[in-house]
Amino acid sequence: MTSPCKAHSGDTSALLSPSRRGFLAAALTGAALTLTPMSFAAADSGTSKTKTITGHLDPGAADFVYLPVDVPAGVNRVSVSYTYSKPSVPSGLLTNACDIGIFDERGTDLQGKGFRGWSGGFRTEFTISASDATPGYLPGPIGNGTWNVILGPYQVSEDGMDYTVTVTLDYGPDGAPYQPKYPAQAIAGKGAGWYRGDAHLHTVYSDGKRTPDEVAAGARAARLDFMISTDHNTPASHGVWGPLAGNDLLILTGEEVTTRNGHYLALGLEPGEWIDWRYRARDKGFEDAAQLIHSKGGLVVPAHPYCPYVACRWKFGYDDADAVEVWTGPWTVDDESSVNTWDSMLVHSVRTNGRWLPAMGDSDAHSVPQVIGWPHNVVNASALSHDAILEGIRSGRSWIAESADVTLDFTVKSGAKTAGIGERLDVAPDAPVTVTATVGGVPNGVVRFITDEGQTQQVTLPASGQGTSTWLTTPQLSAYIRIEVRHPKADGTSGSGTEMGPNLPLGPMAALTNPIFLGSK
């Protein structure tokens, strides 16, 4: 029987150290393995030393494999490169895929201080020094002690995975320390209003192909008021956003936390704050991470929960979530499933008289031709600031737009009382309620009024895309009301939401609101 992980450095076998197989066991339920350390001797300033390790992972390998690197004093740069085998496999089977990152001498504890960067599978090499680092990695002093290169083999073919890791240490004094330039947390003079923003965006600091400059330019082109940076598993881009923000664009910092059981957005993190991802749904790591995010004033938002790819679908539940991303990028069947699940959760909140989870929509844009701001959130906030935007999202005072061309106003009224998106109209069960939705920017669009009972009416907009629709109801008939605005189906029809067959019964979403609740809680 072969070992799940075998490694060799030069001609000397570097077998797993059994005493270290429990590494991170408390947090990762034994999901990590540690190789024999790679040792470097001291050397003269201006020189460099390189070592290479090769190994093999069998199917069923641990989630994370650690290669300790003993770094002596006097090192001013650590550089790492890696390769792994990528065999051809029959259609439908998994080939090899392996991520990489690094922790410094401060250790590899879950949510510890030693994290120095992560590039997933997007890069084959990286370098770190006091003054600079490859995007995705954190510049800073190269302390002496045991560093750990971390491999994340999230797909291993049935033939296993051969890998090679090369580490180079440069010796000499540190360069000038890196100075991050974090963005401001508010824009002066921007009071209460509706603000548009994309809260799920990637750059070259993780697996995106756009630079931060290009992402900021794209946010401005999409006529957004704010954006949130959410590179995968690293805060490395946080320190570059300062010069790219301005009086016309608030830039908040965050992270897309990419686990083996789904992805979630940690929104509004303190600049430089990092959230660990090394846990599964069967572990306790997510609950602890959510508590940390909340303690810092941030939001936990499961992203694209019905994503069909490996390790992407959401499996942690929603008890610790503040909102859920039900619409990600151009409208697909995954989003349709997300909205249906979210609507059922709204009904559950009514039945249990419990809290409800607001919906969000973001682009998850990585590169051209993905469009920044398709879709985005339109948030009712007391100011254009970190705290006000997050509070608007948390309270559900928001709706989702396909683009800035789409406008929507949605209110309910009974007597002298009115309520808007994310609010409650507290009136008697039999009180007549007038529901009004005014929409613009969706030619021939379909406006759907949806309650806990389902769709109650459907109105087609004219070719101009502008129109106002009203409906009368009562709290005893409708526990809540929300609005969907759809484009016509590809065949030009509006669809009814009741048709059966292989195609979606409705056209793509153009706008989606959070609910307005009716009656006393």
Protein backbone atom coordinates (compact mmCIF):
# COMPACT_ATOMS: atom_id res chain seq x y z
CA MET A 1 0.00 0.00 0.00
CA THR A 2 1.50 3.32 -1.02
CA SER A 3 1.69 6.39 1.17
CA PRO A 4 -0.73 9.19 0.26
CA CYS A 5 2.23 11.54 -0.08
CA LYS A 6 5.85 10.78 -0.99
CA ALA A 7 8.58 13.39 -1.40
CA HIS A 8 12.23 13.39 -2.38
CA SER A 9 14.84 16.15 -2.14
CA GLY A 10 17.73 15.36 -4.45
CA ASP A 11 18.59 11.68 -4.00
CA THR A 12 17.55 11.56 -0.34
CA SER A 13 14.11 10.29 0.64
CA ALA A 14 12.10 12.86 2.57
CA LEU A 15 9.25 10.77 3.93
CA LEU A 16 6.37 12.16 5.92
CA SER A 17 7.08 12.76 9.58
CA PRO A 18 4.40 10.72 11.44
CA SER A 19 4.73 12.93 14.50
CA ARG A 20 3.59 15.90 12.43
CA ARG A 21 0.61 14.28 10.72
CA GLY A 22 -1.60 15.85 13.36
CA PHE A 23 -0.55 19.31 12.19
CA LEU A 24 -3.60 21.62 12.31
CA ALA A 25 -5.65 18.61 13.43
CA ALA A 26 -7.79 20.60 15.83
CA ALA A 27 -9.02 22.89 13.08
CA LEU A 28 -8.67 20.73 10.00
CA THR A 29 -9.66 17.28 11.26
CA GLY A 30 -6.39 15.77 10.06
CA ALA A 31 -6.67 17.33 6.60
CA ALA A 32 -3.02 18.45 6.42
CA LEU A 33 0.30 16.65 5.95
CA THR A 34 3.80 17.96 6.56
CA LEU A 35 6.96 16.95 4.66
CA THR A 36 10.48 16.73 5.98
CA PRO A 37 11.97 20.25 6.27
CA MET A 38 14.15 21.75 3.55
CA SER A 39 17.23 23.22 5.29
CA PHE A 40 19.47 26.07 4.15
CA ALA A 41 22.79 27.08 5.66
CA ALA A 42 23.93 30.62 6.30
CA ALA A 43 25.73 32.30 3.39
CA ASP A 44 27.53 35.49 2.47
CA SER A 45 25.61 38.62 1.59
CA GLY A 46 24.93 38.93 -2.13
CA THR A 47 24.73 35.19 -2.71
CA SER A 48 21.77 32.88 -3.25
CA LYS A 49 20.98 29.24 -2.55
CA THR A 50 18.48 27.01 -4.34
CA LYS A 51 16.99 23.63 -3.41
CA THR A 52 14.38 21.47 -5.11
CA ILE A 53 12.04 18.81 -3.78
CA THR A 54 10.01 16.36 -5.86
CA GLY A 55 7.19 14.13 -4.75
CA HIS A 56 4.00 12.31 -5.58
CA LEU A 57 0.44 12.58 -4.25
CA ASP A 58 -1.98 9.70 -4.59
CA PRO A 59 -5.75 10.17 -4.95
CA GLY A 60 -7.24 10.93 -1.56
CA ALA A 61 -4.34 13.19 -0.58
CA ALA A 62 -4.80 15.67 2.25
CA ASP A 63 -6.35 19.04 1.50
CA PHE A 64 -3.07 20.78 2.33
CA VAL A 65 0.54 19.63 2.17
CA TYR A 66 3.18 21.70 3.98
CA LEU A 67 6.85 21.92 3.01
CA PRO A 68 8.81 23.45 5.92
CA VAL A 69 11.75 25.61 4.84
CA ASP A 70 14.36 26.45 7.49
CA VAL A 71 15.39 30.02 6.68
CA PRO A 72 18.64 31.21 8.34
CA ALA A 73 19.39 34.76 9.42
CA GLY A 74 20.60 37.15 6.75
CA VAL A 75 18.05 36.25 4.04
CA ASN A 76 16.35 39.17 2.31
CA ARG A 77 14.23 37.38 -0.32
CA VAL A 78 12.37 34.08 -0.62
CA SER A 79 11.43 32.86 -4.11
CA VAL A 80 9.36 29.75 -4.87
CA SER A 81 8.36 28.00 -8.08
CA TYR A 82 6.45 24.78 -8.62
CA THR A 83 5.16 22.44 -11.28
CA TYR A 84 2.89 19.41 -11.22
CA SER A 85 1.79 16.77 -13.68
CA LYS A 86 -1.35 17.41 -15.70
CA PRO A 87 -2.29 14.11 -17.35
CA SER A 88 -4.99 13.86 -20.00
CA VAL A 89 -8.07 12.17 -18.59
CA PRO A 90 -11.33 10.97 -20.15
CA SER A 91 -14.14 13.48 -20.32
CA GLY A 92 -15.95 13.77 -17.00
CA LEU A 93 -12.98 12.81 -14.83
CA LEU A 94 -10.82 15.18 -12.79
CA THR A 95 -7.32 16.01 -13.85
CA ASN A 96 -4.73 17.45 -11.47
CA ALA A 97 -5.04 20.94 -10.00
CA CYS A 98 -2.85 22.27 -7.21
CA ASP A 99 -2.78 25.65 -5.46
CA ILE A 100 0.18 27.22 -3.67
CA GLY A 101 0.91 29.75 -0.93
CA ILE A 102 3.30 30.38 1.96
CA PHE A 103 3.47 31.07 5.71
CA ASP A 104 6.45 32.67 7.44
CA GLU A 105 8.30 31.86 10.66
CA ARG A 106 5.36 32.99 12.81
CA GLY A 107 3.62 29.70 12.08
CA THR A 108 0.71 28.10 10.25
CA ASP A 109 -1.96 28.23 12.95
CA LEU A 110 -5.48 28.74 11.70
CA GLN A 111 -6.06 32.49 11.42
CA GLY A 112 -2.52 33.00 12.76
CA LYS A 113 -0.03 35.76 12.06
CA GLY A 114 2.22 33.78 9.71
CA PHE A 115 0.25 34.13 6.48
CA ARG A 116 2.36 35.70 3.72
CA GLY A 117 0.40 35.00 0.56
CA TRP A 118 -1.62 32.78 -1.71
CA SER A 119 -1.95 32.63 -5.48
CA GLY A 120 -4.10 29.51 -5.82
CA GLY A 121 -3.32 27.87 -9.14
CA PHE A 122 -2.95 31.18 -10.97
CA ARG A 123 0.86 31.48 -10.73
CA THR A 124 3.73 29.03 -11.00
CA GLU A 125 6.20 31.19 -9.08
CA PHE A 126 6.37 34.02 -6.56
CA THR A 127 8.86 36.08 -4.58
CA ILE A 128 8.73 37.99 -1.30
CA SER A 129 11.05 40.62 0.19
CA ALA A 130 10.75 43.49 2.64
CA SER A 131 10.10 46.02 -0.11
CA ASP A 132 8.10 44.07 -2.71
CA ALA A 133 6.26 40.85 -3.46
CA THR A 134 4.52 39.10 -6.32
CA PRO A 135 0.81 40.08 -6.44
CA GLY A 136 -1.08 37.90 -3.98
CA TYR A 137 1.81 37.91 -1.50
CA LEU A 138 2.65 40.27 1.36
CA PRO A 139 5.90 42.23 1.41
CA GLY A 140 7.74 42.32 4.72
CA PRO A 141 10.92 41.30 6.53
CA ILE A 142 12.25 37.79 5.91
CA GLY A 143 12.51 36.51 9.47
CA ASN A 144 14.73 33.56 10.28
CA GLY A 145 12.99 30.37 11.35
CA THR A 146 10.77 27.78 9.73
CA TRP A 147 8.67 29.01 6.83
CA ASN A 148 6.10 26.70 5.18
CA VAL A 149 5.26 26.46 1.50
CA ILE A 150 1.66 25.20 1.32
CA LEU A 151 0.34 23.07 -1.54
CA GLY A 152 -3.41 22.71 -2.02
CA PRO A 153 -4.06 19.69 -4.27
CA TYR A 154 -7.80 20.19 -4.71
CA GLN A 155 -8.02 17.81 -7.69
CA VAL A 156 -5.89 14.65 -7.95
CA SER A 157 -6.33 12.32 -10.92
CA GLU A 158 -6.60 8.56 -10.50
CA ASP A 159 -2.93 8.28 -11.55
CA GLY A 160 -1.88 10.70 -8.82
CA MET A 161 0.05 13.96 -9.02
CA ASP A 162 3.81 14.39 -9.41
CA TYR A 163 5.06 17.73 -8.15
CA THR A 164 8.28 19.73 -7.96
CA VAL A 165 8.90 22.68 -5.65
CA THR A 166 12.00 24.88 -5.96
CA VAL A 167 12.97 27.36 -3.24
CA THR A 168 15.64 30.07 -3.65
CA LEU A 169 16.94 32.22 -0.81
CA ASP A 170 18.81 35.46 -1.51
CA TYR A 171 21.16 36.74 1.18
CA GLY A 172 21.74 40.38 2.07
CA PRO A 173 20.25 43.36 3.92
CA ASP A 174 16.56 44.19 3.62
CA GLY A 175 15.46 46.86 1.19
CA ALA A 176 13.26 49.81 2.09
CA PRO A 177 10.04 48.59 3.76
CA TYR A 178 6.85 48.46 1.70
CA GLN A 179 4.34 51.21 2.52
CA PRO A 180 0.72 50.23 1.84
CA LYS A 181 -1.67 52.92 0.63
CA TYR A 182 -5.11 51.97 1.90
CA PRO A 183 -8.28 53.63 0.57
CA ALA A 184 -10.33 56.09 2.62
CA GLN A 185 -13.37 54.67 4.41
CA ALA A 186 -15.78 57.45 3.42
CA ILE A 187 -16.36 60.15 0.83
CA ALA A 188 -17.00 63.53 2.41
CA GLY A 189 -20.15 65.36 1.51
CA LYS A 190 -22.11 62.31 0.36
CA GLY A 191 -25.21 62.06 2.52
CA ALA A 192 -28.24 59.80 2.47
CA GLY A 193 -29.13 58.30 -0.88
CA TRP A 194 -29.11 55.28 -3.15
CA TYR A 195 -25.59 54.17 -4.06
CA ARG A 196 -24.59 51.64 -6.69
CA GLY A 197 -21.76 49.17 -6.11
CA ASP A 198 -20.21 45.86 -7.13
CA ALA A 199 -19.10 43.85 -4.09
CA HIS A 200 -17.35 40.91 -5.80
CA LEU A 201 -14.34 41.79 -7.95
CA HIS A 202 -10.97 40.19 -8.73
CA THR A 203 -7.61 41.49 -9.87
CA VAL A 204 -4.17 40.12 -10.77
CA TYR A 205 -3.63 39.82 -7.02
CA SER A 206 -5.54 36.52 -7.20
CA ASP A 207 -6.87 34.87 -10.36
CA GLY A 208 -8.09 37.95 -12.21
CA LYS A 209 -6.42 39.35 -15.30
CA ARG A 210 -7.27 43.00 -14.67
CA THR A 211 -4.91 45.25 -12.73
CA PRO A 212 -6.39 47.29 -9.85
CA ASP A 213 -6.20 50.36 -12.12
CA GLU A 214 -8.31 48.58 -14.73
CA VAL A 215 -10.85 47.40 -12.15
CA ALA A 216 -11.26 50.91 -10.74
CA ALA A 217 -11.65 52.27 -14.27
CA GLY A 218 -14.24 49.59 -14.99
CA ALA A 219 -16.19 50.52 -11.87
CA ARG A 220 -16.26 54.13 -12.99
CA ALA A 221 -17.28 53.14 -16.52
CA ALA A 222 -20.17 51.17 -15.01
CA ARG A 223 -21.22 54.37 -13.17
CA LEU A 224 -20.76 52.79 -9.75
CA ASP A 225 -20.43 54.78 -6.54
CA PHE A 226 -18.54 52.08 -4.64
CA MET A 227 -16.78 48.78 -5.15
CA ILE A 228 -15.40 46.09 -2.84
CA SER A 229 -12.13 44.31 -3.61
CA THR A 230 -12.48 40.55 -3.00
CA ASP A 231 -9.43 38.69 -4.25
CA HIS A 232 -9.30 35.01 -3.33
CA ASN A 233 -7.78 34.16 0.06
CA THR A 234 -5.45 37.16 0.28
CA PRO A 235 -5.53 40.83 1.32
CA ALA A 236 -2.45 41.62 -0.77
CA SER A 237 -4.25 44.12 -3.02
CA HIS A 238 -5.61 46.20 -0.13
CA GLY A 239 -2.53 48.40 -0.01
CA VAL A 240 -2.75 49.54 -3.64
CA TRP A 241 -6.33 50.88 -3.68
CA GLY A 242 -5.70 54.22 -1.95
CA PRO A 243 -4.56 56.22 -5.01
CA LEU A 244 -7.30 54.62 -7.14
CA ALA A 245 -10.21 55.75 -4.96
CA GLY A 246 -11.55 59.28 -5.09
CA ASN A 247 -14.49 61.56 -4.50
CA ASP A 248 -16.32 59.71 -7.26
CA LEU A 249 -15.56 56.13 -6.10
CA LEU A 250 -15.48 54.59 -2.61
CA ILE A 251 -13.30 51.48 -2.53
CA LEU A 252 -13.78 49.03 0.35
CA THR A 253 -11.57 46.06 1.11
CA GLY A 254 -12.58 42.43 1.47
CA GLU A 255 -11.77 38.87 0.46
CA GLU A 256 -13.41 35.96 -1.31
CA VAL A 257 -12.77 33.14 1.12
CA THR A 258 -12.37 30.04 -1.05
CA THR A 259 -12.85 26.80 0.89
CA ARG A 260 -13.31 23.19 -0.20
CA ASN A 261 -17.06 23.45 0.45
CA GLY A 262 -17.95 26.76 -1.12
CA HIS A 263 -16.92 30.39 -1.39
CA TYR A 264 -18.03 33.38 0.65
CA LEU A 265 -17.38 37.10 0.60
CA ALA A 266 -15.89 38.76 3.67
CA LEU A 267 -16.99 42.32 2.94
CA GLY A 268 -15.70 45.49 4.53
CA LEU A 269 -12.65 43.98 6.21
CA GLU A 270 -10.18 46.31 7.85
CA PRO A 271 -7.49 47.05 5.24
CA GLY A 272 -4.83 44.36 5.49
CA GLU A 273 -7.11 41.94 7.38
CA TRP A 274 -6.89 38.31 6.22
CA ILE A 275 -9.49 35.54 6.67
CA ASP A 276 -8.36 31.90 6.70
CA TRP A 277 -9.93 29.37 4.35
CA ARG A 278 -8.39 26.06 5.52
CA TYR A 279 -11.51 24.21 6.68
CA ARG A 280 -14.47 22.26 5.38
CA ALA A 281 -18.13 22.31 6.37
CA ARG A 282 -17.48 19.37 8.72
CA ASP A 283 -15.00 21.49 10.70
CA LYS A 284 -15.53 24.48 13.01
CA GLY A 285 -13.40 26.92 11.03
CA PHE A 286 -16.22 28.75 9.26
CA GLU A 287 -18.10 29.63 12.44
CA ASP A 288 -14.92 31.02 13.97
CA ALA A 289 -14.10 32.98 10.81
CA ALA A 290 -17.61 34.44 10.67
CA GLN A 291 -17.32 35.52 14.30
CA LEU A 292 -14.01 37.23 13.53
CA ILE A 293 -15.47 39.03 10.48
CA HIS A 294 -18.45 40.22 12.51
CA SER A 295 -16.20 41.41 15.34
CA LYS A 296 -14.42 43.63 12.79
CA GLY A 297 -17.70 45.07 11.52
CA GLY A 298 -17.66 43.09 8.24
CA LEU A 299 -20.28 41.01 6.46
CA VAL A 300 -20.37 37.29 5.62
CA VAL A 301 -22.01 36.65 2.24
CA PRO A 302 -22.09 33.16 0.64
CA ALA A 303 -21.20 33.63 -3.04
CA HIS A 304 -22.74 31.89 -6.08
CA PRO A 305 -24.18 29.11 -3.84
CA TYR A 306 -25.22 26.85 -6.73
CA CYS A 307 -21.91 27.10 -8.61
CA PRO A 308 -21.46 23.65 -10.23
CA TYR A 309 -17.66 23.44 -10.07
CA VAL A 310 -15.62 21.34 -7.64
CA ALA A 311 -15.31 22.92 -4.15
CA CYS A 312 -17.53 25.83 -5.24
CA ARG A 313 -21.09 24.97 -4.16
CA TRP A 314 -22.10 26.37 -0.77
CA LYS A 315 -22.43 23.77 2.01
CA PHE A 316 -21.97 25.68 5.28
CA GLY A 317 -25.58 26.76 5.78
CA TYR A 318 -26.76 30.31 6.37
CA ASP A 319 -26.92 30.72 10.15
CA ASP A 320 -23.78 32.87 10.21
CA ALA A 321 -24.46 34.75 6.96
CA ASP A 322 -25.49 38.41 6.72
CA ALA A 323 -26.74 38.24 3.12
CA VAL A 324 -26.53 35.83 0.18
CA GLU A 325 -25.32 36.45 -3.37
CA VAL A 326 -28.24 35.15 -5.42
CA TRP A 327 -27.17 36.65 -8.76
CA THR A 328 -23.60 36.41 -10.04
CA GLY A 329 -22.64 37.74 -13.45
CA PRO A 330 -24.87 37.17 -16.49
CA TRP A 331 -28.09 35.39 -15.50
CA THR A 332 -27.95 31.56 -15.55
CA VAL A 333 -29.86 28.58 -14.20
CA ASP A 334 -27.56 28.68 -11.13
CA ASP A 335 -28.96 32.11 -10.27
CA GLU A 336 -32.51 30.89 -10.84
CA SER A 337 -31.89 28.16 -8.27
CA SER A 338 -30.35 30.65 -5.84
CA VAL A 339 -33.32 32.99 -6.03
CA ASN A 340 -35.79 30.15 -5.54
CA THR A 341 -33.91 28.93 -2.47
CA TRP A 342 -33.67 32.46 -1.10
CA ASP A 343 -37.41 33.00 -1.58
CA SER A 344 -38.10 29.82 0.39
CA MET A 345 -35.85 31.17 3.14
CA LEU A 346 -37.97 34.34 3.24
CA VAL A 347 -41.08 32.22 3.80
CA HIS A 348 -39.30 30.32 6.57
CA SER A 349 -38.39 33.59 8.29
CA VAL A 350 -42.04 34.62 8.23
CA ARG A 351 -43.22 31.26 9.59
CA THR A 352 -40.69 31.27 12.44
CA ASN A 353 -40.84 35.02 13.04
CA GLY A 354 -37.06 34.95 12.67
CA ARG A 355 -34.48 37.07 10.90
CA TRP A 356 -34.40 37.17 7.12
CA LEU A 357 -31.41 37.13 4.80
CA PRO A 358 -31.07 39.93 2.24
CA ALA A 359 -30.14 39.18 -1.38
CA MET A 360 -27.13 40.60 -3.21
CA GLY A 361 -25.95 40.56 -6.82
CA ASP A 362 -22.39 41.04 -8.05
CA SER A 363 -20.36 40.56 -11.21
CA ASP A 364 -17.54 38.31 -9.90
CA ALA A 365 -15.66 39.82 -12.83
CA HIS A 366 -12.15 38.43 -13.40
CA SER A 367 -11.22 39.53 -16.91
CA VAL A 368 -12.49 40.70 -20.28
CA PRO A 369 -15.20 40.09 -21.49
CA GLN A 370 -16.73 39.82 -18.00
CA VAL A 371 -18.43 43.14 -17.26
CA ILE A 372 -17.79 44.95 -13.99
CA GLY A 373 -21.12 45.98 -12.51
CA TRP A 374 -23.17 43.25 -14.22
CA PRO A 375 -25.01 43.02 -11.91
CA HIS A 376 -24.53 45.34 -8.94
CA ASN A 377 -26.27 46.42 -5.75
CA VAL A 378 -28.22 49.65 -5.33
CA VAL A 379 -28.01 50.42 -1.62
CA ASN A 380 -30.02 52.90 0.43
CA ALA A 381 -27.37 54.26 2.80
CA SER A 382 -27.13 57.21 5.17
CA ALA A 383 -23.77 58.17 3.63
CA LEU A 384 -21.25 56.94 1.08
CA SER A 385 -19.08 55.33 3.72
CA HIS A 386 -17.86 51.92 4.87
CA ASP A 387 -20.27 51.71 7.83
CA ALA A 388 -23.31 53.10 6.03
CA ILE A 389 -22.95 50.92 2.93
CA LEU A 390 -22.48 47.76 5.00
CA GLU A 391 -25.45 48.65 7.18
CA GLY A 392 -27.62 49.21 4.10
CA ILE A 393 -26.67 45.76 2.79
CA ARG A 394 -27.08 44.11 6.19
CA SER A 395 -30.58 45.54 6.65
CA GLY A 396 -31.70 44.61 3.13
CA ARG A 397 -32.32 48.19 2.05
CA SER A 398 -31.09 47.37 -1.43
CA TRP A 399 -31.99 46.00 -4.81
CA ILE A 400 -30.01 44.46 -7.65
CA ALA A 401 -29.61 46.00 -11.10
CA GLU A 402 -28.23 44.51 -14.29
CA SER A 403 -26.64 47.87 -15.12
CA ALA A 404 -26.85 51.55 -14.26
CA ASP A 405 -29.32 51.95 -17.12
CA VAL A 406 -31.92 50.12 -15.00
CA THR A 407 -33.91 52.21 -12.52
CA LEU A 408 -36.51 51.06 -10.01
CA ASP A 409 -38.65 52.58 -7.28
CA PHE A 410 -40.70 50.23 -5.10
CA THR A 411 -42.94 51.28 -2.20
CA VAL A 412 -46.05 50.17 -0.33
CA LYS A 413 -48.64 52.43 1.28
CA SER A 414 -51.60 52.05 3.61
CA GLY A 415 -53.31 55.20 4.80
CA ALA A 416 -50.60 57.59 5.99
CA LYS A 417 -48.01 54.84 6.40
CA THR A 418 -45.43 53.95 3.76
CA ALA A 419 -42.50 51.55 3.59
CA GLY A 420 -39.70 50.86 1.13
CA ILE A 421 -37.32 48.05 0.25
CA GLY A 422 -36.06 46.15 3.27
CA GLU A 423 -38.62 47.75 5.59
CA ARG A 424 -41.89 46.65 7.24
CA LEU A 425 -45.32 48.27 6.85
CA ASP A 426 -46.87 47.78 10.30
CA VAL A 427 -50.61 47.79 9.68
CA ALA A 428 -53.59 45.61 10.62
CA PRO A 429 -53.97 42.23 8.86
CA ASP A 430 -56.98 43.42 6.85
CA ALA A 431 -55.66 46.89 6.03
CA PRO A 432 -55.64 47.66 2.29
CA VAL A 433 -52.12 48.10 0.95
CA THR A 434 -51.22 49.72 -2.36
CA VAL A 435 -48.06 48.37 -3.97
CA THR A 436 -46.30 50.55 -6.56
CA ALA A 437 -43.32 49.71 -8.75
CA THR A 438 -41.84 52.18 -11.23
CA VAL A 439 -39.25 50.73 -13.61
CA GLY A 440 -37.02 52.19 -16.29
CA GLY A 441 -34.40 50.93 -18.70
CA VAL A 442 -35.84 47.48 -19.53
CA PRO A 443 -37.46 47.56 -23.01
CA ASN A 444 -40.40 45.15 -23.23
CA GLY A 445 -39.48 43.93 -19.78
CA VAL A 446 -41.71 41.90 -17.50
CA VAL A 447 -42.47 43.20 -13.99
CA ARG A 448 -43.39 40.43 -11.55
CA PHE A 449 -44.98 41.01 -8.13
CA ILE A 450 -44.02 38.09 -5.86
CA THR A 451 -45.25 37.29 -2.35
CA ASP A 452 -44.95 34.32 0.00
CA GLU A 453 -47.74 32.81 -2.11
CA GLY A 454 -45.79 33.21 -5.35
CA GLN A 455 -46.28 35.44 -8.37
CA THR A 456 -49.43 37.50 -8.01
CA GLN A 457 -49.32 39.54 -11.18
CA GLN A 458 -47.15 40.16 -14.20
CA VAL A 459 -47.04 43.35 -16.24
CA THR A 460 -45.23 43.88 -19.55
CA LEU A 461 -43.38 47.15 -20.07
CA PRO A 462 -43.58 49.00 -23.40
CA ALA A 463 -40.69 49.22 -25.85
CA SER A 464 -39.51 52.36 -24.06
CA GLY A 465 -38.76 50.22 -21.00
CA GLN A 466 -40.54 52.71 -18.71
CA GLY A 467 -43.64 52.03 -16.70
CA THR A 468 -45.45 52.14 -13.36
CA SER A 469 -47.45 49.19 -12.04
CA THR A 470 -49.72 49.02 -8.99
CA TRP A 471 -51.42 46.23 -7.08
CA LEU A 472 -53.75 46.09 -4.09
CA THR A 473 -53.31 43.55 -1.30
CA THR A 474 -53.48 43.10 2.50
CA PRO A 475 -51.03 41.73 5.10
CA GLN A 476 -53.19 38.67 5.63
CA LEU A 477 -52.85 37.84 1.94
CA SER A 478 -49.19 38.86 1.52
CA ALA A 479 -46.60 38.48 4.27
CA TYR A 480 -44.07 40.20 2.01
CA ILE A 481 -43.79 41.56 -1.51
CA ARG A 482 -40.74 41.69 -3.74
CA ILE A 483 -40.27 42.72 -7.36
CA GLU A 484 -38.52 40.99 -10.23
CA VAL A 485 -37.98 42.66 -13.60
CA ARG A 486 -37.17 40.24 -16.41
CA HIS A 487 -36.13 40.63 -20.01
CA PRO A 488 -38.29 38.87 -22.59
CA LYS A 489 -37.36 35.28 -23.32
CA ALA A 490 -35.13 34.55 -26.32
CA ASP A 491 -38.21 33.72 -28.39
CA GLY A 492 -39.63 37.17 -27.64
CA THR A 493 -42.33 35.97 -25.24
CA SER A 494 -42.64 37.09 -21.65
CA GLY A 495 -42.97 33.68 -19.99
CA SER A 496 -45.21 33.03 -17.02
CA GLY A 497 -43.08 31.15 -14.54
CA THR A 498 -45.41 28.13 -14.86
CA GLU A 499 -44.12 26.50 -18.05
CA MET A 500 -42.33 23.15 -17.91
CA GLY A 501 -39.50 21.90 -20.08
CA PRO A 502 -35.73 22.03 -20.48
CA ASN A 503 -35.56 25.81 -20.89
CA LEU A 504 -36.03 28.43 -18.21
CA PRO A 505 -39.69 29.49 -18.05
CA LEU A 506 -38.72 33.15 -17.70
CA GLY A 507 -36.33 35.55 -19.36
CA PRO A 508 -33.07 36.77 -17.81
CA MET A 509 -33.25 39.00 -14.73
CA ALA A 510 -32.85 42.76 -15.18
CA ALA A 511 -33.64 43.81 -11.61
CA LEU A 512 -34.48 42.11 -8.33
CA THR A 513 -35.51 43.73 -5.05
CA ASN A 514 -35.31 42.69 -1.47
CA PRO A 515 -38.76 42.34 0.10
CA ILE A 516 -41.04 44.74 1.88
CA PHE A 517 -42.80 42.99 4.77
CA LEU A 518 -46.46 43.66 5.61
CA GLY A 519 -48.16 43.55 9.02
CA SER A 520 -46.85 43.36 12.57
CA LYS A 521 -43.97 41.03 13.27
